[in-house]
Amino acid sequence: MTAIVLKSYSFLRTGFIAALSSWFIGYLNSMNRAILVARQTSANQQLARMMLHEYPDHTYASLLAELNRKTLQEIYRD
């Protein structure tokens, strides 16, 4: 009886640790993506201003939207 209890306790403990570590890794991955998106969209603002003369058919807002759309597609693979 004691062996059964100890075995189930060990399983619960390792299962809980595995679930917690998997959650923590997922949390870090989503934080990493959020930081990447924030930095890249900030860089896109500067790039849109610099590249505006190369794309005369675009406005600043449309060029920025296009850059941000491509950034999100690349990072989130949508």
PDB file of N, CA and C in Angstrom:
ATOM      1  N   MET A   1       0.829  -1.188   0.000  1.00  0.00           N
ATOM      2  CA  MET A   1       0.000   0.000   0.000  1.00  0.00           C
ATOM      3  C   MET A   1       0.876   1.255   0.000  1.00  0.00           C
ATOM      4  N   THR A   2       1.904   1.252   0.822  1.00  0.00           N
ATOM      5  CA  THR A   2       2.800   2.401   0.894  1.00  0.00           C
ATOM      6  C   THR A   2       3.506   2.619  -0.436  1.00  0.00           C
ATOM      7  N   ALA A   3       3.863   1.523  -1.105  1.00  0.00           N
ATOM      8  CA  ALA A   3       4.540   1.637  -2.401  1.00  0.00           C
ATOM      9  C   ALA A   3       3.630   2.283  -3.436  1.00  0.00           C
ATOM     10  N   ILE A   4       2.357   1.951  -3.395  1.00  0.00           N
ATOM     11  CA  ILE A   4       1.402   2.539  -4.346  1.00  0.00           C
ATOM     12  C   ILE A   4       1.271   4.037  -4.092  1.00  0.00           C
ATOM     13  N   VAL A   5       1.167   4.425  -2.851  1.00  0.00           N
ATOM     14  CA  VAL A   5       1.039   5.837  -2.493  1.00  0.00           C
ATOM     15  C   VAL A   5       2.297   6.601  -2.894  1.00  0.00           C
ATOM     16  N   LEU A   6       3.460   6.056  -2.601  1.00  0.00           N
ATOM     17  CA  LEU A   6       4.704   6.724  -2.958  1.00  0.00           C
ATOM     18  C   LEU A   6       4.871   6.829  -4.465  1.00  0.00           C
ATOM     19  N   LYS A   7       4.463   5.781  -5.189  1.00  0.00           N
ATOM     20  CA  LYS A   7       4.573   5.806  -6.640  1.00  0.00           C
ATOM     21  C   LYS A   7       3.643   6.879  -7.231  1.00  0.00           C
ATOM     22  N   SER A   8       2.410   6.954  -6.741  1.00  0.00           N
ATOM     23  CA  SER A   8       1.478   7.967  -7.259  1.00  0.00           C
ATOM     24  C   SER A   8       1.924   9.377  -6.851  1.00  0.00           C
ATOM     25  N   TYR A   9       2.478   9.525  -5.648  1.00  0.00           N
ATOM     26  CA  TYR A   9       2.996  10.826  -5.235  1.00  0.00           C
ATOM     27  C   TYR A   9       4.156  11.253  -6.129  1.00  0.00           C
ATOM     28  N   SER A  10       5.045  10.320  -6.441  1.00  0.00           N
ATOM     29  CA  SER A  10       6.179  10.622  -7.318  1.00  0.00           C
ATOM     30  C   SER A  10       5.688  11.022  -8.704  1.00  0.00           C
ATOM     31  N   PHE A  11       4.679  10.310  -9.213  1.00  0.00           N
ATOM     32  CA  PHE A  11       4.123  10.647 -10.524  1.00  0.00           C
ATOM     33  C   PHE A  11       3.488  12.030 -10.516  1.00  0.00           C
ATOM     34  N   LEU A  12       2.725  12.345  -9.476  1.00  0.00           N
ATOM     35  CA  LEU A  12       2.089  13.661  -9.383  1.00  0.00           C
ATOM     36  C   LEU A  12       3.137  14.768  -9.308  1.00  0.00           C
ATOM     37  N   ARG A  13       4.176  14.520  -8.540  1.00  0.00           N
ATOM     38  CA  ARG A  13       5.223  15.522  -8.379  1.00  0.00           C
ATOM     39  C   ARG A  13       5.962  15.761  -9.696  1.00  0.00           C
ATOM     40  N   THR A  14       6.356  14.706 -10.377  1.00  0.00           N
ATOM     41  CA  THR A  14       7.070  14.878 -11.649  1.00  0.00           C
ATOM     42  C   THR A  14       6.141  15.422 -12.718  1.00  0.00           C
ATOM     43  N   GLY A  15       4.881  15.013 -12.712  1.00  0.00           N
ATOM     44  CA  GLY A  15       3.911  15.548 -13.670  1.00  0.00           C
ATOM     45  C   GLY A  15       3.688  17.035 -13.453  1.00  0.00           C
ATOM     46  N   PHE A  16       3.609  17.438 -12.199  1.00  0.00           N
ATOM     47  CA  PHE A  16       3.420  18.853 -11.888  1.00  0.00           C
ATOM     48  C   PHE A  16       4.631  19.673 -12.304  1.00  0.00           C
ATOM     49  N   ILE A  17       5.824  19.152 -12.042  1.00  0.00           N
ATOM     50  CA  ILE A  17       7.049  19.860 -12.413  1.00  0.00           C
ATOM     51  C   ILE A  17       7.158  19.971 -13.927  1.00  0.00           C
ATOM     52  N   ALA A  18       6.805  18.902 -14.632  1.00  0.00           N
ATOM     53  CA  ALA A  18       6.851  18.935 -16.095  1.00  0.00           C
ATOM     54  C   ALA A  18       5.853  19.953 -16.636  1.00  0.00           C
ATOM     55  N   ALA A  19       4.656  19.990 -16.074  1.00  0.00           N
ATOM     56  CA  ALA A  19       3.644  20.944 -16.525  1.00  0.00           C
ATOM     57  C   ALA A  19       4.079  22.375 -16.221  1.00  0.00           C
ATOM     58  N   LEU A  20       4.647  22.585 -15.059  1.00  0.00           N
ATOM     59  CA  LEU A  20       5.107  23.917 -14.681  1.00  0.00           C
ATOM     60  C   LEU A  20       6.254  24.379 -15.573  1.00  0.00           C
ATOM     61  N   SER A  21       7.203  23.486 -15.854  1.00  0.00           N
ATOM     62  CA  SER A  21       8.323  23.874 -16.707  1.00  0.00           C
ATOM     63  C   SER A  21       7.853  24.114 -18.134  1.00  0.00           C
ATOM     64  N   SER A  22       6.901  23.332 -18.610  1.00  0.00           N
ATOM     65  CA  SER A  22       6.372  23.554 -19.954  1.00  0.00           C
ATOM     66  C   SER A  22       5.642  24.898 -20.028  1.00  0.00           C
ATOM     67  N   TRP A  23       4.888  25.246 -18.996  1.00  0.00           N
ATOM     68  CA  TRP A  23       4.215  26.545 -18.959  1.00  0.00           C
ATOM     69  C   TRP A  23       5.235  27.681 -18.950  1.00  0.00           C
ATOM     70  N   PHE A  24       6.283  27.530 -18.162  1.00  0.00           N
ATOM     71  CA  PHE A  24       7.296  28.575 -18.042  1.00  0.00           C
ATOM     72  C   PHE A  24       8.037  28.773 -19.356  1.00  0.00           C
ATOM     73  N   ILE A  25       8.346  27.691 -20.053  1.00  0.00           N
ATOM     74  CA  ILE A  25       9.007  27.798 -21.356  1.00  0.00           C
ATOM     75  C   ILE A  25       8.094  28.490 -22.362  1.00  0.00           C
ATOM     76  N   GLY A  26       6.813  28.150 -22.349  1.00  0.00           N
ATOM     77  CA  GLY A  26       5.849  28.818 -23.221  1.00  0.00           C
ATOM     78  C   GLY A  26       5.750  30.300 -22.903  1.00  0.00           C
ATOM     79  N   TYR A  27       5.767  30.635 -21.626  1.00  0.00           N
ATOM     80  CA  TYR A  27       5.707  32.034 -21.215  1.00  0.00           C
ATOM     81  C   TYR A  27       6.932  32.801 -21.718  1.00  0.00           C
ATOM     82  N   LEU A  28       8.110  32.201 -21.578  1.00  0.00           N
ATOM     83  CA  LEU A  28       9.329  32.862 -22.054  1.00  0.00           C
ATOM     84  C   LEU A  28       9.322  33.020 -23.578  1.00  0.00           C
ATOM     85  N   ASN A  29       8.819  32.024 -24.290  1.00  0.00           N
ATOM     86  CA  ASN A  29       8.734  32.126 -25.743  1.00  0.00           C
ATOM     87  C   ASN A  29       7.809  33.254 -26.165  1.00  0.00           C
ATOM     88  N   SER A  30       6.665  33.396 -25.496  1.00  0.00           N
ATOM     89  CA  SER A  30       5.748  34.477 -25.871  1.00  0.00           C
ATOM     90  C   SER A  30       6.311  35.842 -25.490  1.00  0.00           C
ATOM     91  N   MET A  31       7.044  35.926 -24.395  1.00  0.00           N
ATOM     92  CA  MET A  31       7.692  37.193 -24.038  1.00  0.00           C
ATOM     93  C   MET A  31       8.768  37.548 -25.068  1.00  0.00           C
ATOM     94  N   ASN A  32       9.502  36.551 -25.536  1.00  0.00           N
ATOM     95  CA  ASN A  32      10.526  36.771 -26.545  1.00  0.00           C
ATOM     96  C   ASN A  32       9.903  37.291 -27.839  1.00  0.00           C
ATOM     97  N   ARG A  33       8.799  36.697 -28.243  1.00  0.00           N
ATOM     98  CA  ARG A  33       8.111  37.170 -29.458  1.00  0.00           C
ATOM     99  C   ARG A  33       7.605  38.598 -29.288  1.00  0.00           C
ATOM    100  N   ALA A  34       7.063  38.897 -28.129  1.00  0.00           N
ATOM    101  CA  ALA A  34       6.547  40.244 -27.883  1.00  0.00           C
ATOM    102  C   ALA A  34       7.672  41.277 -27.951  1.00  0.00           C
ATOM    103  N   ILE A  35       8.816  40.953 -27.400  1.00  0.00           N
ATOM    104  CA  ILE A  35       9.953  41.870 -27.453  1.00  0.00           C
ATOM    105  C   ILE A  35      10.434  42.037 -28.884  1.00  0.00           C
ATOM    106  N   LEU A  36      10.483  40.939 -29.639  1.00  0.00           N
ATOM    107  CA  LEU A  36      10.893  41.019 -31.046  1.00  0.00           C
ATOM    108  C   LEU A  36       9.952  41.906 -31.855  1.00  0.00           C
ATOM    109  N   VAL A  37       8.654  41.738 -31.653  1.00  0.00           N
ATOM    110  CA  VAL A  37       7.678  42.544 -32.388  1.00  0.00           C
ATOM    111  C   VAL A  37       7.815  44.010 -32.016  1.00  0.00           C
ATOM    112  N   ALA A  38       7.965  44.300 -30.746  1.00  0.00           N
ATOM    113  CA  ALA A  38       8.082  45.692 -30.308  1.00  0.00           C
ATOM    114  C   ALA A  38       9.322  46.363 -30.892  1.00  0.00           C
ATOM    115  N   ARG A  39      10.436  45.680 -30.856  1.00  0.00           N
ATOM    116  CA  ARG A  39      11.669  46.267 -31.396  1.00  0.00           C
ATOM    117  C   ARG A  39      11.596  46.442 -32.906  1.00  0.00           C
ATOM    118  N   GLN A  40      11.029  45.440 -33.603  1.00  0.00           N
ATOM    119  CA  GLN A  40      10.981  45.519 -35.052  1.00  0.00           C
ATOM    120  C   GLN A  40       9.989  46.577 -35.532  1.00  0.00           C
ATOM    121  N   THR A  41       8.850  46.724 -34.869  1.00  0.00           N
ATOM    122  CA  THR A  41       7.908  47.755 -35.287  1.00  0.00           C
ATOM    123  C   THR A  41       8.487  49.149 -35.036  1.00  0.00           C
ATOM    124  N   SER A  42       9.273  49.280 -33.985  1.00  0.00           N
ATOM    125  CA  SER A  42       9.948  50.553 -33.748  1.00  0.00           C
ATOM    126  C   SER A  42      10.958  50.840 -34.858  1.00  0.00           C
ATOM    127  N   ALA A  43      11.703  49.822 -35.258  1.00  0.00           N
ATOM    128  CA  ALA A  43      12.655  49.989 -36.359  1.00  0.00           C
ATOM    129  C   ALA A  43      11.929  50.258 -37.676  1.00  0.00           C
ATOM    130  N   ASN A  44      10.748  49.645 -37.840  1.00  0.00           N
ATOM    131  CA  ASN A  44       9.975  49.861 -39.063  1.00  0.00           C
ATOM    132  C   ASN A  44       9.545  51.322 -39.218  1.00  0.00           C
ATOM    133  N   GLN A  45       9.293  51.996 -38.111  1.00  0.00           N
ATOM    134  CA  GLN A  45       8.921  53.410 -38.182  1.00  0.00           C
ATOM    135  C   GLN A  45      10.047  54.229 -38.783  1.00  0.00           C
ATOM    136  N   GLN A  46      11.263  53.964 -38.357  1.00  0.00           N
ATOM    137  CA  GLN A  46      12.414  54.693 -38.895  1.00  0.00           C
ATOM    138  C   GLN A  46      12.673  54.301 -40.347  1.00  0.00           C
ATOM    139  N   LEU A  47      12.534  53.014 -40.653  1.00  0.00           N
ATOM    140  CA  LEU A  47      12.753  52.556 -42.022  1.00  0.00           C
ATOM    141  C   LEU A  47      11.733  53.139 -42.988  1.00  0.00           C
ATOM    142  N   ALA A  48      10.484  53.236 -42.553  1.00  0.00           N
ATOM    143  CA  ALA A  48       9.441  53.773 -43.430  1.00  0.00           C
ATOM    144  C   ALA A  48       9.758  55.224 -43.811  1.00  0.00           C
ATOM    145  N   ARG A  49      10.255  55.996 -42.853  1.00  0.00           N
ATOM    146  CA  ARG A  49      10.628  57.381 -43.161  1.00  0.00           C
ATOM    147  C   ARG A  49      11.782  57.435 -44.159  1.00  0.00           C
ATOM    148  N   MET A  50      12.767  56.541 -43.991  1.00  0.00           N
ATOM    149  CA  MET A  50      13.930  56.543 -44.875  1.00  0.00           C
ATOM    150  C   MET A  50      13.608  56.006 -46.269  1.00  0.00           C
ATOM    151  N   MET A  51      12.711  55.047 -46.363  1.00  0.00           N
ATOM    152  CA  MET A  51      12.419  54.394 -47.635  1.00  0.00           C
ATOM    153  C   MET A  51      11.297  55.058 -48.421  1.00  0.00           C
ATOM    154  N   LEU A  52      10.696  56.087 -47.877  1.00  0.00           N
ATOM    155  CA  LEU A  52       9.528  56.701 -48.507  1.00  0.00           C
ATOM    156  C   LEU A  52       9.843  57.238 -49.901  1.00  0.00           C
ATOM    157  N   HIS A  53      11.044  57.770 -50.120  1.00  0.00           N
ATOM    158  CA  HIS A  53      11.386  58.310 -51.433  1.00  0.00           C
ATOM    159  C   HIS A  53      11.556  57.215 -52.490  1.00  0.00           C
ATOM    160  N   GLU A  54      11.807  55.966 -52.057  1.00  0.00           N
ATOM    161  CA  GLU A  54      11.951  54.849 -52.997  1.00  0.00           C
ATOM    162  C   GLU A  54      10.600  54.282 -53.431  1.00  0.00           C
ATOM    163  N   TYR A  55       9.561  54.572 -52.698  1.00  0.00           N
ATOM    164  CA  TYR A  55       8.209  54.083 -53.006  1.00  0.00           C
ATOM    165  C   TYR A  55       7.261  55.275 -53.124  1.00  0.00           C
ATOM    166  N   PRO A  56       7.247  55.966 -54.255  1.00  0.00           N
ATOM    167  CA  PRO A  56       6.430  57.174 -54.379  1.00  0.00           C
ATOM    168  C   PRO A  56       4.927  56.903 -54.359  1.00  0.00           C
ATOM    169  N   ASP A  57       4.509  55.672 -54.676  1.00  0.00           N
ATOM    170  CA  ASP A  57       3.077  55.373 -54.661  1.00  0.00           C
ATOM    171  C   ASP A  57       2.551  55.089 -53.253  1.00  0.00           C
ATOM    172  N   HIS A  58       3.435  54.988 -52.267  1.00  0.00           N
ATOM    173  CA  HIS A  58       3.034  54.742 -50.876  1.00  0.00           C
ATOM    174  C   HIS A  58       3.060  56.039 -50.078  1.00  0.00           C
ATOM    175  N   THR A  59       2.206  56.077 -49.060  1.00  0.00           N
ATOM    176  CA  THR A  59       2.318  57.123 -48.046  1.00  0.00           C
ATOM    177  C   THR A  59       3.118  56.530 -46.884  1.00  0.00           C
ATOM    178  N   TYR A  60       3.454  57.370 -45.926  1.00  0.00           N
ATOM    179  CA  TYR A  60       4.197  56.879 -44.762  1.00  0.00           C
ATOM    180  C   TYR A  60       3.389  55.796 -44.050  1.00  0.00           C
ATOM    181  N   ALA A  61       2.096  56.042 -43.861  1.00  0.00           N
ATOM    182  CA  ALA A  61       1.255  55.090 -43.134  1.00  0.00           C
ATOM    183  C   ALA A  61       1.118  53.764 -43.885  1.00  0.00           C
ATOM    184  N   SER A  62       0.958  53.815 -45.199  1.00  0.00           N
ATOM    185  CA  SER A  62       0.795  52.570 -45.945  1.00  0.00           C
ATOM    186  C   SER A  62       2.098  51.767 -45.988  1.00  0.00           C
ATOM    187  N   LEU A  63       3.221  52.453 -46.106  1.00  0.00           N
ATOM    188  CA  LEU A  63       4.504  51.760 -46.095  1.00  0.00           C
ATOM    189  C   LEU A  63       4.779  51.143 -44.724  1.00  0.00           C
ATOM    190  N   LEU A  64       4.454  51.881 -43.680  1.00  0.00           N
ATOM    191  CA  LEU A  64       4.628  51.362 -42.322  1.00  0.00           C
ATOM    192  C   LEU A  64       3.718  50.157 -42.087  1.00  0.00           C
ATOM    193  N   ALA A  65       2.497  50.234 -42.555  1.00  0.00           N
ATOM    194  CA  ALA A  65       1.570  49.109 -42.401  1.00  0.00           C
ATOM    195  C   ALA A  65       2.078  47.875 -43.139  1.00  0.00           C
ATOM    196  N   GLU A  66       2.625  48.067 -44.325  1.00  0.00           N
ATOM    197  CA  GLU A  66       3.169  46.943 -45.095  1.00  0.00           C
ATOM    198  C   GLU A  66       4.369  46.310 -44.373  1.00  0.00           C
ATOM    199  N   LEU A  67       5.263  47.126 -43.850  1.00  0.00           N
ATOM    200  CA  LEU A  67       6.416  46.604 -43.110  1.00  0.00           C
ATOM    201  C   LEU A  67       5.977  45.857 -41.853  1.00  0.00           C
ATOM    202  N   ASN A  68       5.016  46.415 -41.132  1.00  0.00           N
ATOM    203  CA  ASN A  68       4.535  45.767 -39.915  1.00  0.00           C
ATOM    204  C   ASN A  68       3.800  44.462 -40.221  1.00  0.00           C
ATOM    205  N   ARG A  69       3.057  44.426 -41.327  1.00  0.00           N
ATOM    206  CA  ARG A  69       2.360  43.206 -41.724  1.00  0.00           C
ATOM    207  C   ARG A  69       3.371  42.097 -42.016  1.00  0.00           C
ATOM    208  N   LYS A  70       4.433  42.445 -42.737  1.00  0.00           N
ATOM    209  CA  LYS A  70       5.468  41.461 -43.045  1.00  0.00           C
ATOM    210  C   LYS A  70       6.201  41.004 -41.785  1.00  0.00           C
ATOM    211  N   THR A  71       6.404  41.911 -40.860  1.00  0.00           N
ATOM    212  CA  THR A  71       7.044  41.553 -39.592  1.00  0.00           C
ATOM    213  C   THR A  71       6.199  40.540 -38.827  1.00  0.00           C
ATOM    214  N   LEU A  72       4.907  40.813 -38.722  1.00  0.00           N
ATOM    215  CA  LEU A  72       4.028  39.901 -37.991  1.00  0.00           C
ATOM    216  C   LEU A  72       3.928  38.548 -38.678  1.00  0.00           C
ATOM    217  N   GLN A  73       3.895  38.535 -39.992  1.00  0.00           N
ATOM    218  CA  GLN A  73       3.864  37.268 -40.724  1.00  0.00           C
ATOM    219  C   GLN A  73       5.126  36.455 -40.466  1.00  0.00           C
ATOM    220  N   GLU A  74       6.262  37.135 -40.446  1.00  0.00           N
ATOM    221  CA  GLU A  74       7.527  36.430 -40.233  1.00  0.00           C
ATOM    222  C   GLU A  74       7.641  35.881 -38.826  1.00  0.00           C
ATOM    223  N   ILE A  75       7.244  36.657 -37.845  1.00  0.00           N
ATOM    224  CA  ILE A  75       7.425  36.237 -36.456  1.00  0.00           C
ATOM    225  C   ILE A  75       6.383  35.204 -36.038  1.00  0.00           C
ATOM    226  N   TYR A  76       5.124  35.412 -36.423  1.00  0.00           N
ATOM    227  CA  TYR A  76       4.065  34.498 -36.003  1.00  0.00           C
ATOM    228  C   TYR A  76       3.730  33.444 -37.049  1.00  0.00           C
ATOM    229  N   ARG A  77       4.332  33.500 -38.222  1.00  0.00           N
ATOM    230  CA  ARG A  77       4.130  32.524 -39.301  1.00  0.00           C
ATOM    231  C   ARG A  77       2.657  32.335 -39.643  1.00  0.00           C
ATOM    232  N   ASP A  78       1.961  33.456 -39.780  1.00  0.00           N
ATOM    233  CA  ASP A  78       0.524  33.397 -40.140  1.00  0.00           C
ATOM    234  C   ASP A  78       0.336  33.266 -41.624  1.00  0.00           C
TER     235      ASP A  78
END
